[in-house]
Amino acid sequence: MTDASTARFVDVHYHVGPDAYLRRHTAASAGAVYAEHGGWVVLKNHLGSTAAQAWEARQQGLPVSGSLVLNDLAGGFDPRAVEQAVIQHGEDSGLRLLVHLPTVTGRSHRSRLARTPAHPLLKDGQRPLTVGDGRGELRPEVRELLRAARDLPVVISTGHADGHEVRLLVEEAVRLDLRLMLNQPANPMTGLTCKDLVEVAAAEQVWTEQTALTYLLEYQGWEDFAEVLSALPRTVYSSDLGQPSQPDIAPWLTASAEWFGRAGLTPGRIDEITRAAPLEMLSL
């Protein structure tokens, strides 16, 4: 299946190797599992782009599209990095490229994940990069990147911006009429609750990602998790999985069905957060 519109669900956040850390699947093996379950997957990689991997997987008939993470190692806020990834991603998927702002920000947060660097050059991590300038404003190069993104088939993700930076990004995205995804805002580096998001994500240009991983790692309590899934407009449900220490794809789908039932989600709402909203966000 290489037509996302026929997928039963769309996971916009799944990590495959090669990545900054060891992962459970390759692009092809993950794509095969999603195909088996009737899904579509957007690959993510903290080293940079998965656009070419996704293109290659689709040539094999697999339901895969890609993303770009603008960490320093991948070129930071250089619009040329985005243009290159858009070209590598191709046009056959019918979906926009998801472009994440930096995920390596240097902020003090100790992950609860058991992670093994994938290469000796990564033993000291990556050089951090933030969208804020340290004075409470967006960096000029971030504003320039967002302006350039208006003319490209992309969706911008907030990466691991903090709560204040997310608000600045939302303001700029609305001003530019640019599609923006709030990347796992319940994570400790961002720290936005559903109550916060009712205001922050109110604009029609803004989608909110709710990952399974924030709940699995107990960064987010059940009440907030269930409230986002149940009530927040333009919610996109994803896994943020791929780590060998976390559930594989099939157990995640089983657990998700249990969570949806516990939260009292209707079939229509389940379809909205798992298929309709991500497809609307990524549509050309």
Foldseek 3Di string as FASTA:
>chain_A
DLEQQQAQFEFEAEEAPPAQWHFDHHLQVLQVVCVVVRYAYEYDHLQFKCLLVQVVNVVVVGRYHYETEQFVNQPALPLVSVVVSLVSNDPSSQWFHEYEHHQFAPDDDDDPDDTHGPDPVCPVHGDHDAQDPVPLAGDPSNLVSQLVCLPGLYAYEHHLYAQSVLLNVLVSCVVNVGAYEDEQCLAPSHNDFPVNCVPSQVDPSYAYEHEPVCVVRPSDDLVRSLCLLAPRPLYAYHHNHRHPVDDDDVVVVVVVVVSCVVSVHDPVSVSVRGRVSVCVSTHD
